[in-house]
Amino acid sequence: MKIYTKTGDAGTTALFGGTRVNKDHIRIESYGTVDELNSYLGLLRDQDINENHQTTLLEIQDRLFTIGAILATPPEKELLKNGSNRLENLGIIASDIVFLEDEMDRMESRLAPMTHFILPGGHPTVSHCHIARCICRRAERLAVHLNQLEAINPLALAYLNRLSDYLFMLARALSAELGATEIKWIPRK
């Protein structure tokens, strides 16, 4: 199988199920940004972080492939000829969101309470985590936009929302583990 097909040379691409759309279609922007996030999480996972964080990030990357498949499937292609949903066994489930919440609770229990907004940075690994959080927020905004045009799985939206919270909490945990100072944002008076 060749990696290049030449079918996208005119600026279109195929969605799951074969429907062709322009490459700047909101659906492509949505799953493309999830792919960008997934790649950035791979970079974060490759940093010198503890094994639990690496394992959790690997699980998240798997879920992001699922969300990408959900976003790449137009509503008219979700059902198979027999009427069953082709994404039924592939979808995001409530326990995926609970997994993120449990991980956040575990990390938060080990950290000092947050009293101010925190400026991103302090260590390159922490900065990578904050960039991933920002990409996640953009992916969520694009998925919300797509959802306004064509309904998508609401758990996929909830997962992206919770994932950005998880990445913020991971940045805080990494700051503590790496000995980085969290710089509080204190507005000028």
C-alpha atoms as a PDB file:
ATOM      1  CA  MET A   1       0.000   0.000   0.000  1.00  0.00           C
ATOM      2  CA  LYS A   2       1.433   3.367  -1.010  1.00  0.00           C
ATOM      3  CA  ILE A   3       1.229   6.261   1.427  1.00  0.00           C
ATOM      4  CA  TYR A   4       0.304   8.693  -1.317  1.00  0.00           C
ATOM      5  CA  THR A   5      -2.941   8.349  -3.262  1.00  0.00           C
ATOM      6  CA  LYS A   6      -3.047  11.629  -5.207  1.00  0.00           C
ATOM      7  CA  THR A   7      -6.804  11.795  -4.492  1.00  0.00           C
ATOM      8  CA  GLY A   8      -6.354  14.883  -2.319  1.00  0.00           C
ATOM      9  CA  ASP A   9      -4.372  16.922  -4.816  1.00  0.00           C
ATOM     10  CA  ALA A  10      -7.389  19.111  -5.614  1.00  0.00           C
ATOM     11  CA  GLY A  11      -7.977  19.992  -1.950  1.00  0.00           C
ATOM     12  CA  THR A  12     -10.527  17.370  -0.956  1.00  0.00           C
ATOM     13  CA  THR A  13     -10.313  14.318   1.279  1.00  0.00           C
ATOM     14  CA  ALA A  14     -12.524  11.363   2.124  1.00  0.00           C
ATOM     15  CA  LEU A  15     -14.332  10.982   5.415  1.00  0.00           C
ATOM     16  CA  PHE A  16     -14.946   7.579   6.982  1.00  0.00           C
ATOM     17  CA  GLY A  17     -17.496   5.992   4.677  1.00  0.00           C
ATOM     18  CA  GLY A  18     -16.211   7.668   1.508  1.00  0.00           C
ATOM     19  CA  THR A  19     -17.909  11.084   1.478  1.00  0.00           C
ATOM     20  CA  ARG A  20     -15.488  13.660   0.002  1.00  0.00           C
ATOM     21  CA  VAL A  21     -15.216  17.133   1.536  1.00  0.00           C
ATOM     22  CA  ASN A  22     -12.847  20.084   1.257  1.00  0.00           C
ATOM     23  CA  LYS A  23      -9.770  19.789   3.448  1.00  0.00           C
ATOM     24  CA  ASP A  24     -10.779  22.921   5.356  1.00  0.00           C
ATOM     25  CA  HIS A  25     -14.201  21.446   6.291  1.00  0.00           C
ATOM     26  CA  ILE A  26     -15.004  21.807  10.014  1.00  0.00           C
ATOM     27  CA  ARG A  27     -15.070  18.023  10.349  1.00  0.00           C
ATOM     28  CA  ILE A  28     -11.489  17.813   8.992  1.00  0.00           C
ATOM     29  CA  GLU A  29     -10.385  20.711  11.223  1.00  0.00           C
ATOM     30  CA  SER A  30     -11.928  18.897  14.199  1.00  0.00           C
ATOM     31  CA  TYR A  31     -10.317  15.523  13.775  1.00  0.00           C
ATOM     32  CA  GLY A  32      -7.109  17.081  12.452  1.00  0.00           C
ATOM     33  CA  THR A  33      -6.740  19.047  15.675  1.00  0.00           C
ATOM     34  CA  VAL A  34      -7.408  15.899  17.710  1.00  0.00           C
ATOM     35  CA  ASP A  35      -4.624  14.257  15.687  1.00  0.00           C
ATOM     36  CA  GLU A  36      -2.344  17.228  16.447  1.00  0.00           C
ATOM     37  CA  LEU A  37      -3.161  16.839  20.142  1.00  0.00           C
ATOM     38  CA  ASN A  38      -2.475  13.121  19.982  1.00  0.00           C
ATOM     39  CA  SER A  39       0.939  13.758  18.412  1.00  0.00           C
ATOM     40  CA  TYR A  40       1.746  16.347  21.059  1.00  0.00           C
ATOM     41  CA  LEU A  41       0.770  13.919  23.800  1.00  0.00           C
ATOM     42  CA  GLY A  42       3.235  11.471  22.235  1.00  0.00           C
ATOM     43  CA  LEU A  43       5.936  14.123  22.651  1.00  0.00           C
ATOM     44  CA  LEU A  44       4.871  14.664  26.261  1.00  0.00           C
ATOM     45  CA  ARG A  45       4.876  10.903  26.911  1.00  0.00           C
ATOM     46  CA  ASP A  46       8.433  10.734  25.532  1.00  0.00           C
ATOM     47  CA  GLN A  47       9.681  13.144  28.213  1.00  0.00           C
ATOM     48  CA  ASP A  48      11.351  11.948  31.386  1.00  0.00           C
ATOM     49  CA  ILE A  49       8.135  11.486  33.393  1.00  0.00           C
ATOM     50  CA  ASN A  50       7.028   8.695  35.676  1.00  0.00           C
ATOM     51  CA  GLU A  51       5.638   5.468  34.295  1.00  0.00           C
ATOM     52  CA  ASN A  52       2.116   6.074  35.600  1.00  0.00           C
ATOM     53  CA  HIS A  53       1.878   9.323  33.629  1.00  0.00           C
ATOM     54  CA  GLN A  54       3.257   7.578  30.534  1.00  0.00           C
ATOM     55  CA  THR A  55       0.711   4.757  30.852  1.00  0.00           C
ATOM     56  CA  THR A  56      -2.145   7.214  31.357  1.00  0.00           C
ATOM     57  CA  LEU A  57      -1.065   9.271  28.348  1.00  0.00           C
ATOM     58  CA  LEU A  58      -0.923   6.115  26.234  1.00  0.00           C
ATOM     59  CA  GLU A  59      -4.514   5.296  27.237  1.00  0.00           C
ATOM     60  CA  ILE A  60      -5.551   8.869  26.389  1.00  0.00           C
ATOM     61  CA  GLN A  61      -3.870   8.616  22.993  1.00  0.00           C
ATOM     62  CA  ASP A  62      -5.913   5.485  22.297  1.00  0.00           C
ATOM     63  CA  ARG A  63      -9.115   7.303  23.243  1.00  0.00           C
ATOM     64  CA  LEU A  64      -8.150  10.215  20.983  1.00  0.00           C
ATOM     65  CA  PHE A  65      -7.936   7.837  18.024  1.00  0.00           C
ATOM     66  CA  THR A  66     -11.498   6.830  18.885  1.00  0.00           C
ATOM     67  CA  ILE A  67     -12.598  10.470  19.030  1.00  0.00           C
ATOM     68  CA  GLY A  68     -10.869  11.055  15.695  1.00  0.00           C
ATOM     69  CA  ALA A  69     -12.894   8.192  14.192  1.00  0.00           C
ATOM     70  CA  ILE A  70     -16.094   9.635  15.657  1.00  0.00           C
ATOM     71  CA  LEU A  71     -15.325  13.075  14.222  1.00  0.00           C
ATOM     72  CA  ALA A  72     -14.339  11.604  10.830  1.00  0.00           C
ATOM     73  CA  THR A  73     -17.689   9.862  10.422  1.00  0.00           C
ATOM     74  CA  PRO A  74     -20.581  11.906   9.020  1.00  0.00           C
ATOM     75  CA  PRO A  75     -23.980  11.080  10.565  1.00  0.00           C
ATOM     76  CA  GLU A  76     -25.271   9.445   7.384  1.00  0.00           C
ATOM     77  CA  LYS A  77     -22.397   6.927   7.489  1.00  0.00           C
ATOM     78  CA  GLU A  78     -22.682   5.955  11.168  1.00  0.00           C
ATOM     79  CA  LEU A  79     -25.211   3.218  10.525  1.00  0.00           C
ATOM     80  CA  LEU A  80     -24.439  -0.026   8.745  1.00  0.00           C
ATOM     81  CA  LYS A  81     -26.856  -1.459   6.189  1.00  0.00           C
ATOM     82  CA  ASN A  82     -28.481  -3.573   8.899  1.00  0.00           C
ATOM     83  CA  GLY A  83     -29.185  -0.449  10.968  1.00  0.00           C
ATOM     84  CA  SER A  84     -26.580  -1.059  13.658  1.00  0.00           C
ATOM     85  CA  ASN A  85     -24.148   1.687  14.594  1.00  0.00           C
ATOM     86  CA  ARG A  86     -20.646   1.130  13.187  1.00  0.00           C
ATOM     87  CA  LEU A  87     -19.158   3.177  16.065  1.00  0.00           C
ATOM     88  CA  GLU A  88     -21.042   1.326  18.785  1.00  0.00           C
ATOM     89  CA  ASN A  89     -18.075  -0.800  19.881  1.00  0.00           C
ATOM     90  CA  LEU A  90     -15.582   1.963  19.195  1.00  0.00           C
ATOM     91  CA  GLY A  91     -17.153   4.815  21.101  1.00  0.00           C
ATOM     92  CA  ILE A  92     -16.191   6.820  24.122  1.00  0.00           C
ATOM     93  CA  ILE A  93     -17.961   5.570  27.235  1.00  0.00           C
ATOM     94  CA  ALA A  94     -18.709   7.231  30.558  1.00  0.00           C
ATOM     95  CA  SER A  95     -15.954   5.289  32.326  1.00  0.00           C
ATOM     96  CA  ASP A  96     -13.376   6.951  30.035  1.00  0.00           C
ATOM     97  CA  ILE A  97     -14.356  10.288  31.545  1.00  0.00           C
ATOM     98  CA  VAL A  98     -14.399   8.873  35.080  1.00  0.00           C
ATOM     99  CA  PHE A  99     -10.861   7.563  34.456  1.00  0.00           C
ATOM    100  CA  LEU A 100      -9.663  11.129  33.786  1.00  0.00           C
ATOM    101  CA  GLU A 101     -11.507  12.450  36.840  1.00  0.00           C
ATOM    102  CA  ASP A 102      -9.990   9.761  39.064  1.00  0.00           C
ATOM    103  CA  GLU A 103      -6.502  10.580  37.760  1.00  0.00           C
ATOM    104  CA  MET A 104      -7.096  14.297  38.438  1.00  0.00           C
ATOM    105  CA  ASP A 105      -8.333  13.592  41.963  1.00  0.00           C
ATOM    106  CA  ARG A 106      -5.271  11.431  42.649  1.00  0.00           C
ATOM    107  CA  MET A 107      -2.873  14.136  41.445  1.00  0.00           C
ATOM    108  CA  GLU A 108      -4.726  16.952  43.190  1.00  0.00           C
ATOM    109  CA  SER A 109      -4.627  15.126  46.531  1.00  0.00           C
ATOM    110  CA  ARG A 110      -0.823  15.432  46.462  1.00  0.00           C
ATOM    111  CA  LEU A 111      -0.652  19.126  45.547  1.00  0.00           C
ATOM    112  CA  ALA A 112      -0.961  22.353  47.481  1.00  0.00           C
ATOM    113  CA  PRO A 113      -4.338  24.024  46.969  1.00  0.00           C
ATOM    114  CA  MET A 114      -4.406  26.438  44.053  1.00  0.00           C
ATOM    115  CA  THR A 115      -5.054  30.021  45.137  1.00  0.00           C
ATOM    116  CA  HIS A 116      -4.274  31.888  41.892  1.00  0.00           C
ATOM    117  CA  PHE A 117      -4.062  31.309  38.176  1.00  0.00           C
ATOM    118  CA  ILE A 118      -0.690  29.866  37.234  1.00  0.00           C
ATOM    119  CA  LEU A 119       1.524  31.107  34.418  1.00  0.00           C
ATOM    120  CA  PRO A 120       2.446  28.261  32.045  1.00  0.00           C
ATOM    121  CA  GLY A 121       6.094  27.238  32.210  1.00  0.00           C
ATOM    122  CA  GLY A 122       8.743  26.470  34.782  1.00  0.00           C
ATOM    123  CA  HIS A 123      10.211  23.416  33.043  1.00  0.00           C
ATOM    124  CA  PRO A 124      10.224  22.289  29.377  1.00  0.00           C
ATOM    125  CA  THR A 125       8.117  19.206  30.185  1.00  0.00           C
ATOM    126  CA  VAL A 126       5.554  21.323  32.039  1.00  0.00           C
ATOM    127  CA  SER A 127       5.473  23.723  29.081  1.00  0.00           C
ATOM    128  CA  HIS A 128       4.804  20.806  26.699  1.00  0.00           C
ATOM    129  CA  CYS A 129       1.885  19.840  28.910  1.00  0.00           C
ATOM    130  CA  HIS A 130       0.429  23.367  28.807  1.00  0.00           C
ATOM    131  CA  ILE A 131       0.754  23.470  25.016  1.00  0.00           C
ATOM    132  CA  ALA A 132      -1.093  20.135  24.828  1.00  0.00           C
ATOM    133  CA  ARG A 133      -3.813  21.625  27.074  1.00  0.00           C
ATOM    134  CA  CYS A 134      -4.213  24.561  24.680  1.00  0.00           C
ATOM    135  CA  ILE A 135      -4.409  22.250  21.653  1.00  0.00           C
ATOM    136  CA  CYS A 136      -7.035  20.237  23.519  1.00  0.00           C
ATOM    137  CA  ARG A 137      -9.103  23.369  24.149  1.00  0.00           C
ATOM    138  CA  ARG A 138      -8.907  24.223  20.435  1.00  0.00           C
ATOM    139  CA  ALA A 139      -9.971  20.664  19.535  1.00  0.00           C
ATOM    140  CA  GLU A 140     -12.907  21.033  21.914  1.00  0.00           C
ATOM    141  CA  ARG A 141     -13.953  24.370  20.383  1.00  0.00           C
ATOM    142  CA  LEU A 142     -13.847  22.885  16.883  1.00  0.00           C
ATOM    143  CA  ALA A 143     -15.811  19.805  17.982  1.00  0.00           C
ATOM    144  CA  VAL A 144     -18.420  22.075  19.585  1.00  0.00           C
ATOM    145  CA  HIS A 145     -18.675  24.005  16.313  1.00  0.00           C
ATOM    146  CA  LEU A 146     -19.105  20.745  14.394  1.00  0.00           C
ATOM    147  CA  ASN A 147     -21.729  19.609  16.906  1.00  0.00           C
ATOM    148  CA  GLN A 148     -23.739  22.760  16.195  1.00  0.00           C
ATOM    149  CA  LEU A 149     -23.861  21.733  12.517  1.00  0.00           C
ATOM    150  CA  GLU A 150     -24.140  17.944  12.864  1.00  0.00           C
ATOM    151  CA  ALA A 151     -24.655  16.202  16.179  1.00  0.00           C
ATOM    152  CA  ILE A 152     -21.725  14.152  17.453  1.00  0.00           C
ATOM    153  CA  ASN A 153     -21.422  11.822  20.417  1.00  0.00           C
ATOM    154  CA  PRO A 154     -21.864  14.060  23.505  1.00  0.00           C
ATOM    155  CA  LEU A 155     -19.403  11.886  25.439  1.00  0.00           C
ATOM    156  CA  ALA A 156     -16.700  12.808  22.918  1.00  0.00           C
ATOM    157  CA  LEU A 157     -17.296  16.482  23.738  1.00  0.00           C
ATOM    158  CA  ALA A 158     -17.282  15.777  27.465  1.00  0.00           C
ATOM    159  CA  TYR A 159     -14.056  13.768  27.108  1.00  0.00           C
ATOM    160  CA  LEU A 160     -12.259  16.632  25.368  1.00  0.00           C
ATOM    161  CA  ASN A 161     -13.475  19.033  28.044  1.00  0.00           C
ATOM    162  CA  ARG A 162     -12.300  16.794  30.862  1.00  0.00           C
ATOM    163  CA  LEU A 163      -9.030  16.059  29.081  1.00  0.00           C
ATOM    164  CA  SER A 164      -8.038  19.724  29.093  1.00  0.00           C
ATOM    165  CA  ASP A 165      -8.683  19.777  32.851  1.00  0.00           C
ATOM    166  CA  TYR A 166      -6.589  16.630  33.210  1.00  0.00           C
ATOM    167  CA  LEU A 167      -3.723  18.224  31.267  1.00  0.00           C
ATOM    168  CA  PHE A 168      -3.819  21.277  33.524  1.00  0.00           C
ATOM    169  CA  MET A 169      -3.661  19.052  36.588  1.00  0.00           C
ATOM    170  CA  LEU A 170      -0.878  16.989  35.007  1.00  0.00           C
ATOM    171  CA  ALA A 171       1.109  20.200  34.422  1.00  0.00           C
ATOM    172  CA  ARG A 172       0.755  21.011  38.117  1.00  0.00           C
ATOM    173  CA  ALA A 173       1.760  17.483  39.133  1.00  0.00           C
ATOM    174  CA  LEU A 174       4.759  17.552  36.804  1.00  0.00           C
ATOM    175  CA  SER A 175       5.810  20.916  38.240  1.00  0.00           C
ATOM    176  CA  ALA A 176       5.868  19.370  41.713  1.00  0.00           C
ATOM    177  CA  GLU A 177       7.611  16.175  40.569  1.00  0.00           C
ATOM    178  CA  LEU A 178      10.255  18.057  38.574  1.00  0.00           C
ATOM    179  CA  GLY A 179      10.876  20.685  41.240  1.00  0.00           C
ATOM    180  CA  ALA A 180       9.623  23.518  39.050  1.00  0.00           C
ATOM    181  CA  THR A 181       8.227  26.641  40.657  1.00  0.00           C
ATOM    182  CA  GLU A 182       4.635  27.492  39.852  1.00  0.00           C
ATOM    183  CA  ILE A 183       4.465  31.209  39.180  1.00  0.00           C
ATOM    184  CA  LYS A 184       1.179  32.709  40.320  1.00  0.00           C
ATOM    185  CA  TRP A 185      -0.492  35.226  38.061  1.00  0.00           C
ATOM    186  CA  ILE A 186      -1.280  38.290  40.154  1.00  0.00           C
ATOM    187  CA  PRO A 187      -2.949  41.058  38.138  1.00  0.00           C
ATOM    188  CA  ARG A 188      -1.414  44.524  38.270  1.00  0.00           C
ATOM    189  CA  LYS A 189      -3.334  47.025  40.318  1.00  0.00           C
END
